[in-house]
Amino acid sequence: MNDAFEILETAELFLIDFYLPQCPPCKRLAPILKEWSDESGIPVVTVNLKEKRFDLLSDRFGVKDTPTVVAIRDREEIARSSPVTKKDLYKLVGGGRP
């Protein structure tokens, strides 16, 4: 998983996973995101909302709940959800597998 600020400038399509370490749904989603990213080749950036360095990023996307996964294409948000399966993640980026 890559640094949020670097990938915002470089990747054509990626996901941002906004999470809190103590959030049970976030903990369940983490290995699903990793497996999905490895399978799809689409990067996933993890953003711990407890880290102050990400305050501007969470404000920019108006994230209030966790987990929130935001799909970004060409520096613009295209979708967001609180997925629980790999199928949900594929839907988030526009349907089937890339």
C-alpha atoms as a PDB file:
ATOM      1  CA  MET A   1       0.000   0.000   0.000  1.00  0.00           C
ATOM      2  CA  ASN A   2       1.370   3.366  -0.990  1.00  0.00           C
ATOM      3  CA  ASP A   3       1.590   6.850   0.470  1.00  0.00           C
ATOM      4  CA  ALA A   4      -1.608   8.822  -0.166  1.00  0.00           C
ATOM      5  CA  PHE A   5       0.091  12.028  -1.209  1.00  0.00           C
ATOM      6  CA  GLU A   6       2.399  10.351  -3.731  1.00  0.00           C
ATOM      7  CA  ILE A   7      -0.305   8.302  -5.365  1.00  0.00           C
ATOM      8  CA  LEU A   8      -2.698  11.251  -5.696  1.00  0.00           C
ATOM      9  CA  GLU A   9      -0.214  12.670  -8.186  1.00  0.00           C
ATOM     10  CA  THR A  10       0.731   9.514 -10.061  1.00  0.00           C
ATOM     11  CA  ALA A  11      -1.967   6.870 -10.361  1.00  0.00           C
ATOM     12  CA  GLU A  12      -4.707   6.916 -12.969  1.00  0.00           C
ATOM     13  CA  LEU A  13      -7.043   4.749 -10.865  1.00  0.00           C
ATOM     14  CA  PHE A  14      -6.739   3.855  -7.192  1.00  0.00           C
ATOM     15  CA  LEU A  15      -8.709   3.511  -3.985  1.00  0.00           C
ATOM     16  CA  ILE A  16      -8.296   5.375  -0.717  1.00  0.00           C
ATOM     17  CA  ASP A  17      -9.259   3.367   2.354  1.00  0.00           C
ATOM     18  CA  PHE A  18     -10.092   5.718   5.238  1.00  0.00           C
ATOM     19  CA  TYR A  19     -10.010   3.706   8.470  1.00  0.00           C
ATOM     20  CA  LEU A  20      -9.549   3.792  12.219  1.00  0.00           C
ATOM     21  CA  PRO A  21      -7.348   1.149  13.871  1.00  0.00           C
ATOM     22  CA  GLN A  22      -9.963   0.272  16.509  1.00  0.00           C
ATOM     23  CA  CYS A  23     -12.815  -0.111  13.976  1.00  0.00           C
ATOM     24  CA  PRO A  24     -13.881  -3.817  13.701  1.00  0.00           C
ATOM     25  CA  PRO A  25     -15.292  -3.467  10.140  1.00  0.00           C
ATOM     26  CA  CYS A  26     -12.041  -1.757   9.117  1.00  0.00           C
ATOM     27  CA  LYS A  27     -10.035  -4.678  10.497  1.00  0.00           C
ATOM     28  CA  ARG A  28     -12.171  -7.159   8.538  1.00  0.00           C
ATOM     29  CA  LEU A  29     -11.833  -5.121   5.338  1.00  0.00           C
ATOM     30  CA  ALA A  30      -8.023  -4.764   5.430  1.00  0.00           C
ATOM     31  CA  PRO A  31      -7.102  -8.272   4.173  1.00  0.00           C
ATOM     32  CA  ILE A  32      -9.899  -8.130   1.570  1.00  0.00           C
ATOM     33  CA  LEU A  33      -8.499  -4.847   0.225  1.00  0.00           C
ATOM     34  CA  LYS A  34      -4.974  -6.283   0.100  1.00  0.00           C
ATOM     35  CA  GLU A  35      -6.098  -9.404  -1.757  1.00  0.00           C
ATOM     36  CA  TRP A  36      -8.257  -7.356  -4.144  1.00  0.00           C
ATOM     37  CA  SER A  37      -5.420  -4.914  -4.872  1.00  0.00           C
ATOM     38  CA  ASP A  38      -2.994  -7.765  -5.569  1.00  0.00           C
ATOM     39  CA  GLU A  39      -5.562  -9.437  -7.832  1.00  0.00           C
ATOM     40  CA  SER A  40      -6.741  -6.333  -9.702  1.00  0.00           C
ATOM     41  CA  GLY A  41      -3.454  -4.446  -9.884  1.00  0.00           C
ATOM     42  CA  ILE A  42      -5.239  -1.320  -8.664  1.00  0.00           C
ATOM     43  CA  PRO A  43      -3.408   0.417  -5.814  1.00  0.00           C
ATOM     44  CA  VAL A  44      -5.079   0.949  -2.457  1.00  0.00           C
ATOM     45  CA  VAL A  45      -3.893   3.746  -0.200  1.00  0.00           C
ATOM     46  CA  THR A  46      -4.670   3.335   3.477  1.00  0.00           C
ATOM     47  CA  VAL A  47      -5.364   6.474   5.486  1.00  0.00           C
ATOM     48  CA  ASN A  48      -5.435   6.166   9.266  1.00  0.00           C
ATOM     49  CA  LEU A  49      -7.782   8.932  10.418  1.00  0.00           C
ATOM     50  CA  LYS A  50      -5.953   9.098  13.764  1.00  0.00           C
ATOM     51  CA  GLU A  51      -2.864  10.474  12.000  1.00  0.00           C
ATOM     52  CA  LYS A  52      -2.955  14.276  11.850  1.00  0.00           C
ATOM     53  CA  ARG A  53      -0.993  14.336   8.589  1.00  0.00           C
ATOM     54  CA  PHE A  54      -4.127  13.044   6.842  1.00  0.00           C
ATOM     55  CA  ASP A  55      -6.537  15.681   8.220  1.00  0.00           C
ATOM     56  CA  LEU A  56      -6.506  17.689   4.976  1.00  0.00           C
ATOM     57  CA  LEU A  57      -7.109  14.563   2.906  1.00  0.00           C
ATOM     58  CA  SER A  58     -10.059  13.397   5.021  1.00  0.00           C
ATOM     59  CA  ASP A  59     -11.464  16.950   4.972  1.00  0.00           C
ATOM     60  CA  ARG A  60     -11.067  17.113   1.197  1.00  0.00           C
ATOM     61  CA  PHE A  61     -13.192  13.991   0.801  1.00  0.00           C
ATOM     62  CA  GLY A  62     -15.591  14.756   3.651  1.00  0.00           C
ATOM     63  CA  VAL A  63     -15.009  11.426   5.371  1.00  0.00           C
ATOM     64  CA  LYS A  64     -17.019  11.068   8.574  1.00  0.00           C
ATOM     65  CA  ASP A  65     -17.433   7.283   8.962  1.00  0.00           C
ATOM     66  CA  THR A  66     -15.148   4.294   8.718  1.00  0.00           C
ATOM     67  CA  PRO A  67     -14.466   2.333   6.761  1.00  0.00           C
ATOM     68  CA  THR A  68     -14.961   4.591   3.768  1.00  0.00           C
ATOM     69  CA  VAL A  69     -13.357   3.612   0.483  1.00  0.00           C
ATOM     70  CA  VAL A  70     -13.125   6.274  -2.217  1.00  0.00           C
ATOM     71  CA  ALA A  71     -12.369   5.414  -5.846  1.00  0.00           C
ATOM     72  CA  ILE A  72     -10.237   8.012  -7.646  1.00  0.00           C
ATOM     73  CA  ARG A  73      -9.725   8.174 -11.397  1.00  0.00           C
ATOM     74  CA  ASP A  74      -7.545  10.898 -12.897  1.00  0.00           C
ATOM     75  CA  ARG A  75      -7.491  12.804  -9.573  1.00  0.00           C
ATOM     76  CA  GLU A  76     -11.309  12.941  -9.311  1.00  0.00           C
ATOM     77  CA  GLU A  77     -13.605  10.941  -7.059  1.00  0.00           C
ATOM     78  CA  ILE A  78     -15.754   8.561  -9.094  1.00  0.00           C
ATOM     79  CA  ALA A  79     -17.433   6.581  -6.302  1.00  0.00           C
ATOM     80  CA  ARG A  80     -17.381   5.744  -2.609  1.00  0.00           C
ATOM     81  CA  SER A  81     -18.779   3.062  -0.350  1.00  0.00           C
ATOM     82  CA  SER A  82     -18.203   0.924   2.712  1.00  0.00           C
ATOM     83  CA  PRO A  83     -17.475  -2.372   0.929  1.00  0.00           C
ATOM     84  CA  VAL A  84     -17.328  -5.740   2.628  1.00  0.00           C
ATOM     85  CA  THR A  85     -16.391  -8.052  -0.264  1.00  0.00           C
ATOM     86  CA  LYS A  86     -14.088  -8.089  -3.286  1.00  0.00           C
ATOM     87  CA  LYS A  87     -17.210  -7.995  -5.466  1.00  0.00           C
ATOM     88  CA  ASP A  88     -18.167  -4.703  -3.795  1.00  0.00           C
ATOM     89  CA  LEU A  89     -14.710  -3.329  -4.620  1.00  0.00           C
ATOM     90  CA  TYR A  90     -15.000  -4.281  -8.295  1.00  0.00           C
ATOM     91  CA  LYS A  91     -18.380  -2.557  -8.445  1.00  0.00           C
ATOM     92  CA  LEU A  92     -16.826   0.532  -6.892  1.00  0.00           C
ATOM     93  CA  VAL A  93     -14.338   0.890  -9.742  1.00  0.00           C
ATOM     94  CA  GLY A  94     -16.859   0.340 -12.480  1.00  0.00           C
ATOM     95  CA  GLY A  95     -18.029  -3.208 -12.695  1.00  0.00           C
ATOM     96  CA  GLY A  96     -16.104  -6.290 -13.621  1.00  0.00           C
ATOM     97  CA  ARG A  97     -12.509  -7.151 -13.219  1.00  0.00           C
ATOM     98  CA  PRO A  98     -10.008  -4.966 -15.055  1.00  0.00           C
END
